[in-house]
């Protein structure tokens, strides 16, 4: 069973501030911040705000599913062409897990000829082949981390795995997702959030049975 840990908004903000301080204290002055979509967008925005970096772009990488690698090799879909040449770049993601996403992103950005690339993440796992220049927190063991900007996506995906995709109905998915959320210590209006979102996540083949109103 995969160990799953939810990172709250409160902790995310605290980690972003810690990360920004580390970058500032190092003396590095990035001219461009590039976030790795989607997980790196929020940390990158907060860090760019603190460091007063107005030039902000995103790099889209497909690699991870829920608690497993969806693609053995990261797929780069979007690059900030014409935006980083000759510039000091800060590349930001939420976590360095295997390190493959960071490695592929660094290699692709380097082809755009920036002056320098440095990397920053909120969490560094011991399994990463890449050690970022900056990280807010280093883990001593592997756990599956998920963040508040992917709360519904993660909880629902875990619930579907538990139920089995062919057996999913809206009611069962809602009940299982809510139970998982509570077991993970997720607080706030999670019930109303899931009720709003659940129909968007249910497999289309199952929408005709077991629907809630």
C-alpha atoms as a PDB file:
ATOM      1  CA  UNK A   1       0.000   0.000   0.000  1.00  0.00           C
ATOM      2  CA  UNK A   2       1.407   3.376  -1.026  1.00  0.00           C
ATOM      3  CA  UNK A   3       1.840   5.828   1.835  1.00  0.00           C
ATOM      4  CA  UNK A   4       0.015   9.033   0.893  1.00  0.00           C
ATOM      5  CA  UNK A   5       0.612  12.432   2.504  1.00  0.00           C
ATOM      6  CA  UNK A   6      -1.493  15.529   1.863  1.00  0.00           C
ATOM      7  CA  UNK A   7       0.289  18.905   1.972  1.00  0.00           C
ATOM      8  CA  UNK A   8      -2.049  21.656   3.175  1.00  0.00           C
ATOM      9  CA  UNK A   9      -2.240  25.176   1.780  1.00  0.00           C
ATOM     10  CA  UNK A  10      -0.801  26.486   5.044  1.00  0.00           C
ATOM     11  CA  UNK A  11       2.259  24.270   4.718  1.00  0.00           C
ATOM     12  CA  UNK A  12       2.634  25.020   0.997  1.00  0.00           C
ATOM     13  CA  UNK A  13       2.851  28.752   1.689  1.00  0.00           C
ATOM     14  CA  UNK A  14       5.381  28.175   4.456  1.00  0.00           C
ATOM     15  CA  UNK A  15       7.514  25.982   2.175  1.00  0.00           C
ATOM     16  CA  UNK A  16       7.348  28.543  -0.659  1.00  0.00           C
ATOM     17  CA  UNK A  17       8.585  31.291   1.656  1.00  0.00           C
ATOM     18  CA  UNK A  18      11.405  29.036   2.869  1.00  0.00           C
ATOM     19  CA  UNK A  19      12.372  28.209  -0.718  1.00  0.00           C
ATOM     20  CA  UNK A  20      12.387  31.866  -1.749  1.00  0.00           C
ATOM     21  CA  UNK A  21      14.611  32.764   1.218  1.00  0.00           C
ATOM     22  CA  UNK A  22      17.120  30.079   0.238  1.00  0.00           C
ATOM     23  CA  UNK A  23      17.291  31.416  -3.311  1.00  0.00           C
ATOM     24  CA  UNK A  24      17.636  35.015  -2.119  1.00  0.00           C
ATOM     25  CA  UNK A  25      20.306  34.108   0.442  1.00  0.00           C
ATOM     26  CA  UNK A  26      22.334  32.344  -2.262  1.00  0.00           C
ATOM     27  CA  UNK A  27      22.626  35.592  -4.190  1.00  0.00           C
ATOM     28  CA  UNK A  28      21.026  34.204  -7.341  1.00  0.00           C
ATOM     29  CA  UNK A  29      18.916  36.772  -9.186  1.00  0.00           C
ATOM     30  CA  UNK A  30      16.764  34.988 -11.777  1.00  0.00           C
ATOM     31  CA  UNK A  31      15.532  37.051 -14.712  1.00  0.00           C
ATOM     32  CA  UNK A  32      12.975  34.447 -15.773  1.00  0.00           C
ATOM     33  CA  UNK A  33      10.954  31.928 -13.766  1.00  0.00           C
ATOM     34  CA  UNK A  34       9.801  28.811 -15.619  1.00  0.00           C
ATOM     35  CA  UNK A  35       7.302  26.536 -13.900  1.00  0.00           C
ATOM     36  CA  UNK A  36       6.820  22.887 -14.730  1.00  0.00           C
ATOM     37  CA  UNK A  37       3.108  22.380 -15.354  1.00  0.00           C
ATOM     38  CA  UNK A  38       0.930  21.731 -13.579  1.00  0.00           C
ATOM     39  CA  UNK A  39       2.338  21.100 -10.148  1.00  0.00           C
ATOM     40  CA  UNK A  40       5.046  23.726 -10.233  1.00  0.00           C
ATOM     41  CA  UNK A  41       2.811  26.645 -11.198  1.00  0.00           C
ATOM     42  CA  UNK A  42       1.659  27.719  -7.721  1.00  0.00           C
ATOM     43  CA  UNK A  43       5.106  27.485  -6.053  1.00  0.00           C
ATOM     44  CA  UNK A  44       6.659  29.263  -9.035  1.00  0.00           C
ATOM     45  CA  UNK A  45       4.123  32.113  -8.843  1.00  0.00           C
ATOM     46  CA  UNK A  46       4.722  32.640  -5.131  1.00  0.00           C
ATOM     47  CA  UNK A  47       8.504  32.492  -5.463  1.00  0.00           C
ATOM     48  CA  UNK A  48       8.484  34.836  -8.479  1.00  0.00           C
ATOM     49  CA  UNK A  49       6.386  37.307  -6.487  1.00  0.00           C
ATOM     50  CA  UNK A  50       8.800  37.280  -3.544  1.00  0.00           C
ATOM     51  CA  UNK A  51      11.874  37.584  -5.793  1.00  0.00           C
ATOM     52  CA  UNK A  52      10.218  40.249  -7.978  1.00  0.00           C
ATOM     53  CA  UNK A  53      10.577  38.329 -11.233  1.00  0.00           C
ATOM     54  CA  UNK A  54       8.012  39.534 -13.746  1.00  0.00           C
ATOM     55  CA  UNK A  55       8.939  37.188 -16.616  1.00  0.00           C
ATOM     56  CA  UNK A  56       7.011  33.986 -15.913  1.00  0.00           C
ATOM     57  CA  UNK A  57       6.530  31.063 -18.288  1.00  0.00           C
ATOM     58  CA  UNK A  58       5.470  27.418 -18.153  1.00  0.00           C
ATOM     59  CA  UNK A  59       6.964  24.216 -19.457  1.00  0.00           C
ATOM     60  CA  UNK A  60       4.523  21.322 -19.871  1.00  0.00           C
ATOM     61  CA  UNK A  61       5.765  17.815 -19.089  1.00  0.00           C
ATOM     62  CA  UNK A  62       3.782  14.560 -19.070  1.00  0.00           C
ATOM     63  CA  UNK A  63       5.326  11.931 -16.821  1.00  0.00           C
ATOM     64  CA  UNK A  64       3.367  11.121 -13.684  1.00  0.00           C
ATOM     65  CA  UNK A  65      -0.036   9.597 -13.053  1.00  0.00           C
ATOM     66  CA  UNK A  66      -1.423   9.048  -9.557  1.00  0.00           C
ATOM     67  CA  UNK A  67       1.344   7.477  -7.443  1.00  0.00           C
ATOM     68  CA  UNK A  68       2.990   5.921 -10.494  1.00  0.00           C
ATOM     69  CA  UNK A  69       4.890   6.865 -13.620  1.00  0.00           C
ATOM     70  CA  UNK A  70       2.454   7.164 -16.505  1.00  0.00           C
ATOM     71  CA  UNK A  71       5.260   7.578 -19.067  1.00  0.00           C
ATOM     72  CA  UNK A  72       8.664   5.854 -18.694  1.00  0.00           C
ATOM     73  CA  UNK A  73      10.287   8.855 -20.385  1.00  0.00           C
ATOM     74  CA  UNK A  74       8.931  12.372 -19.715  1.00  0.00           C
ATOM     75  CA  UNK A  75       7.128  13.917 -22.685  1.00  0.00           C
ATOM     76  CA  UNK A  76       7.830  17.636 -23.191  1.00  0.00           C
ATOM     77  CA  UNK A  77       4.826  19.341 -24.804  1.00  0.00           C
ATOM     78  CA  UNK A  78       5.421  23.043 -24.313  1.00  0.00           C
ATOM     79  CA  UNK A  79       8.533  25.219 -24.134  1.00  0.00           C
ATOM     80  CA  UNK A  80       9.000  28.992 -23.659  1.00  0.00           C
ATOM     81  CA  UNK A  81      10.535  29.514 -27.090  1.00  0.00           C
ATOM     82  CA  UNK A  82      12.230  32.879 -27.514  1.00  0.00           C
ATOM     83  CA  UNK A  83      11.814  33.807 -23.836  1.00  0.00           C
ATOM     84  CA  UNK A  84      14.894  32.523 -22.013  1.00  0.00           C
ATOM     85  CA  UNK A  85      17.817  33.075 -24.391  1.00  0.00           C
ATOM     86  CA  UNK A  86      20.748  34.686 -22.587  1.00  0.00           C
ATOM     87  CA  UNK A  87      18.761  34.913 -19.326  1.00  0.00           C
ATOM     88  CA  UNK A  88      19.274  33.584 -15.811  1.00  0.00           C
ATOM     89  CA  UNK A  89      16.455  31.049 -15.396  1.00  0.00           C
ATOM     90  CA  UNK A  90      14.878  29.562 -12.295  1.00  0.00           C
ATOM     91  CA  UNK A  91      13.062  26.294 -13.093  1.00  0.00           C
ATOM     92  CA  UNK A  92      10.444  25.432 -10.444  1.00  0.00           C
ATOM     93  CA  UNK A  93       8.482  22.264  -9.687  1.00  0.00           C
ATOM     94  CA  UNK A  94       6.668  21.051  -6.602  1.00  0.00           C
ATOM     95  CA  UNK A  95       8.697  17.860  -6.053  1.00  0.00           C
ATOM     96  CA  UNK A  96      11.772  15.987  -7.256  1.00  0.00           C
ATOM     97  CA  UNK A  97      10.662  12.355  -7.151  1.00  0.00           C
ATOM     98  CA  UNK A  98      12.633  10.230  -9.621  1.00  0.00           C
ATOM     99  CA  UNK A  99      14.214  13.397 -10.962  1.00  0.00           C
ATOM    100  CA  UNK A 100      13.367  12.426 -14.550  1.00  0.00           C
ATOM    101  CA  UNK A 101      11.022  15.374 -15.049  1.00  0.00           C
ATOM    102  CA  UNK A 102      13.634  17.871 -13.863  1.00  0.00           C
ATOM    103  CA  UNK A 103      16.359  16.196 -15.899  1.00  0.00           C
ATOM    104  CA  UNK A 104      14.322  16.277 -19.114  1.00  0.00           C
ATOM    105  CA  UNK A 105      13.207  19.860 -18.472  1.00  0.00           C
ATOM    106  CA  UNK A 106      16.762  21.066 -17.864  1.00  0.00           C
ATOM    107  CA  UNK A 107      17.968  19.369 -21.057  1.00  0.00           C
ATOM    108  CA  UNK A 108      15.199  20.915 -23.164  1.00  0.00           C
ATOM    109  CA  UNK A 109      15.591  24.385 -21.656  1.00  0.00           C
ATOM    110  CA  UNK A 110      19.340  24.244 -22.267  1.00  0.00           C
ATOM    111  CA  UNK A 111      18.616  23.939 -26.003  1.00  0.00           C
ATOM    112  CA  UNK A 112      17.085  27.432 -25.826  1.00  0.00           C
ATOM    113  CA  UNK A 113      20.488  28.831 -24.741  1.00  0.00           C
ATOM    114  CA  UNK A 114      19.782  30.548 -21.417  1.00  0.00           C
ATOM    115  CA  UNK A 115      22.715  32.122 -19.586  1.00  0.00           C
ATOM    116  CA  UNK A 116      22.155  29.867 -16.553  1.00  0.00           C
ATOM    117  CA  UNK A 117      19.562  27.412 -15.258  1.00  0.00           C
ATOM    118  CA  UNK A 118      18.999  26.734 -11.574  1.00  0.00           C
ATOM    119  CA  UNK A 119      16.294  24.486 -10.188  1.00  0.00           C
ATOM    120  CA  UNK A 120      14.015  24.748  -7.159  1.00  0.00           C
ATOM    121  CA  UNK A 121      11.397  22.429  -5.616  1.00  0.00           C
ATOM    122  CA  UNK A 122       9.341  22.287  -2.455  1.00  0.00           C
ATOM    123  CA  UNK A 123      10.222  18.649  -1.730  1.00  0.00           C
ATOM    124  CA  UNK A 124      13.240  16.508  -2.551  1.00  0.00           C
ATOM    125  CA  UNK A 125      12.802  12.741  -2.250  1.00  0.00           C
ATOM    126  CA  UNK A 126      15.708  10.330  -1.691  1.00  0.00           C
ATOM    127  CA  UNK A 127      14.832   8.582  -4.979  1.00  0.00           C
ATOM    128  CA  UNK A 128      15.659  11.587  -7.188  1.00  0.00           C
ATOM    129  CA  UNK A 129      18.604  11.262  -9.585  1.00  0.00           C
ATOM    130  CA  UNK A 130      18.738  15.063  -9.699  1.00  0.00           C
ATOM    131  CA  UNK A 131      19.432  17.195  -6.639  1.00  0.00           C
ATOM    132  CA  UNK A 132      17.916  20.639  -7.290  1.00  0.00           C
ATOM    133  CA  UNK A 133      19.922  23.752  -6.521  1.00  0.00           C
ATOM    134  CA  UNK A 134      17.265  24.689  -3.970  1.00  0.00           C
ATOM    135  CA  UNK A 135      14.684  22.707  -2.032  1.00  0.00           C
ATOM    136  CA  UNK A 136      12.520  23.651   0.918  1.00  0.00           C
ATOM    137  CA  UNK A 137      12.312  20.210   2.507  1.00  0.00           C
ATOM    138  CA  UNK A 138      14.194  16.923   2.062  1.00  0.00           C
ATOM    139  CA  UNK A 139      12.403  13.649   2.818  1.00  0.00           C
ATOM    140  CA  UNK A 140      14.202  10.701   4.375  1.00  0.00           C
ATOM    141  CA  UNK A 141      11.873   8.114   2.785  1.00  0.00           C
ATOM    142  CA  UNK A 142       9.627   7.807  -0.254  1.00  0.00           C
ATOM    143  CA  UNK A 143       5.978   8.747   0.219  1.00  0.00           C
ATOM    144  CA  UNK A 144       3.370   9.886  -2.286  1.00  0.00           C
ATOM    145  CA  UNK A 145       2.867  13.613  -1.751  1.00  0.00           C
ATOM    146  CA  UNK A 146      -0.045  15.516  -3.123  1.00  0.00           C
ATOM    147  CA  UNK A 147      -0.831  19.184  -2.914  1.00  0.00           C
ATOM    148  CA  UNK A 148      -4.032  21.233  -2.498  1.00  0.00           C
ATOM    149  CA  UNK A 149      -4.165  22.236  -6.163  1.00  0.00           C
ATOM    150  CA  UNK A 150      -4.633  18.548  -7.086  1.00  0.00           C
ATOM    151  CA  UNK A 151      -6.778  17.521  -4.118  1.00  0.00           C
ATOM    152  CA  UNK A 152      -9.877  16.344  -5.990  1.00  0.00           C
ATOM    153  CA  UNK A 153      -7.930  14.767  -8.858  1.00  0.00           C
ATOM    154  CA  UNK A 154      -5.807  12.698  -6.471  1.00  0.00           C
ATOM    155  CA  UNK A 155      -8.504  11.640  -4.017  1.00  0.00           C
ATOM    156  CA  UNK A 156     -10.884  10.648  -6.813  1.00  0.00           C
ATOM    157  CA  UNK A 157      -8.182   8.739  -8.719  1.00  0.00           C
ATOM    158  CA  UNK A 158      -7.265   6.817  -5.560  1.00  0.00           C
ATOM    159  CA  UNK A 159     -10.957   6.080  -4.982  1.00  0.00           C
ATOM    160  CA  UNK A 160     -11.403   4.767  -8.542  1.00  0.00           C
ATOM    161  CA  UNK A 161      -8.393   2.483  -8.037  1.00  0.00           C
ATOM    162  CA  UNK A 162      -9.923   1.164  -4.834  1.00  0.00           C
ATOM    163  CA  UNK A 163     -13.363   0.550  -6.361  1.00  0.00           C
ATOM    164  CA  UNK A 164     -12.281  -0.657  -9.799  1.00  0.00           C
ATOM    165  CA  UNK A 165     -13.072   1.470 -12.845  1.00  0.00           C
ATOM    166  CA  UNK A 166     -15.766  -0.859 -14.197  1.00  0.00           C
ATOM    167  CA  UNK A 167     -17.687  -0.727 -10.894  1.00  0.00           C
ATOM    168  CA  UNK A 168     -17.690   3.038 -10.405  1.00  0.00           C
ATOM    169  CA  UNK A 169     -20.957   4.912  -9.872  1.00  0.00           C
ATOM    170  CA  UNK A 170     -21.310   8.510  -8.743  1.00  0.00           C
ATOM    171  CA  UNK A 171     -22.660   7.529  -5.340  1.00  0.00           C
ATOM    172  CA  UNK A 172     -19.996   4.910  -4.669  1.00  0.00           C
ATOM    173  CA  UNK A 173     -17.225   7.155  -5.936  1.00  0.00           C
ATOM    174  CA  UNK A 174     -18.397  10.028  -3.748  1.00  0.00           C
ATOM    175  CA  UNK A 175     -18.589   7.843  -0.642  1.00  0.00           C
ATOM    176  CA  UNK A 176     -15.165   6.251  -1.229  1.00  0.00           C
ATOM    177  CA  UNK A 177     -13.450   9.552  -2.087  1.00  0.00           C
ATOM    178  CA  UNK A 178     -14.927  11.225   0.983  1.00  0.00           C
ATOM    179  CA  UNK A 179     -13.776   8.346   3.194  1.00  0.00           C
ATOM    180  CA  UNK A 180     -10.261   8.564   1.760  1.00  0.00           C
ATOM    181  CA  UNK A 181     -10.155  12.335   2.219  1.00  0.00           C
ATOM    182  CA  UNK A 182     -11.132  12.008   5.860  1.00  0.00           C
ATOM    183  CA  UNK A 183      -8.569   9.234   6.454  1.00  0.00           C
ATOM    184  CA  UNK A 184      -5.873  11.537   5.071  1.00  0.00           C
ATOM    185  CA  UNK A 185      -6.858  14.289   7.496  1.00  0.00           C
ATOM    186  CA  UNK A 186      -8.146  16.656   4.831  1.00  0.00           C
ATOM    187  CA  UNK A 187     -10.263  19.352   6.428  1.00  0.00           C
ATOM    188  CA  UNK A 188     -12.571  22.064   5.145  1.00  0.00           C
ATOM    189  CA  UNK A 189     -15.633  21.752   2.881  1.00  0.00           C
ATOM    190  CA  UNK A 190     -14.378  18.561   1.214  1.00  0.00           C
ATOM    191  CA  UNK A 191     -17.854  17.014   1.002  1.00  0.00           C
ATOM    192  CA  UNK A 192     -19.341  19.902  -0.996  1.00  0.00           C
ATOM    193  CA  UNK A 193     -16.214  20.129  -3.160  1.00  0.00           C
ATOM    194  CA  UNK A 194     -16.425  16.443  -4.065  1.00  0.00           C
ATOM    195  CA  UNK A 195     -20.174  16.663  -4.737  1.00  0.00           C
ATOM    196  CA  UNK A 196     -19.495  19.479  -7.197  1.00  0.00           C
ATOM    197  CA  UNK A 197     -16.599  17.718  -8.929  1.00  0.00           C
ATOM    198  CA  UNK A 198     -17.437  14.029  -8.927  1.00  0.00           C
ATOM    199  CA  UNK A 199     -19.449  13.949 -12.160  1.00  0.00           C
ATOM    200  CA  UNK A 200     -16.503  15.392 -14.060  1.00  0.00           C
ATOM    201  CA  UNK A 201     -14.259  12.511 -12.991  1.00  0.00           C
ATOM    202  CA  UNK A 202     -16.575   9.530 -13.380  1.00  0.00           C
ATOM    203  CA  UNK A 203     -15.808   7.363 -16.428  1.00  0.00           C
ATOM    204  CA  UNK A 204     -18.303   8.175 -19.209  1.00  0.00           C
ATOM    205  CA  UNK A 205     -19.303   4.528 -19.578  1.00  0.00           C
ATOM    206  CA  UNK A 206     -20.663   4.590 -16.030  1.00  0.00           C
ATOM    207  CA  UNK A 207     -22.609   7.854 -16.068  1.00  0.00           C
ATOM    208  CA  UNK A 208     -25.924   6.189 -16.776  1.00  0.00           C
ATOM    209  CA  UNK A 209     -26.074   4.234 -13.512  1.00  0.00           C
ATOM    210  CA  UNK A 210     -26.033   5.149  -9.864  1.00  0.00           C
ATOM    211  CA  UNK A 211     -26.099   8.899 -10.394  1.00  0.00           C
ATOM    212  CA  UNK A 212     -26.690  11.306  -7.532  1.00  0.00           C
ATOM    213  CA  UNK A 213     -28.802  14.426  -7.818  1.00  0.00           C
END
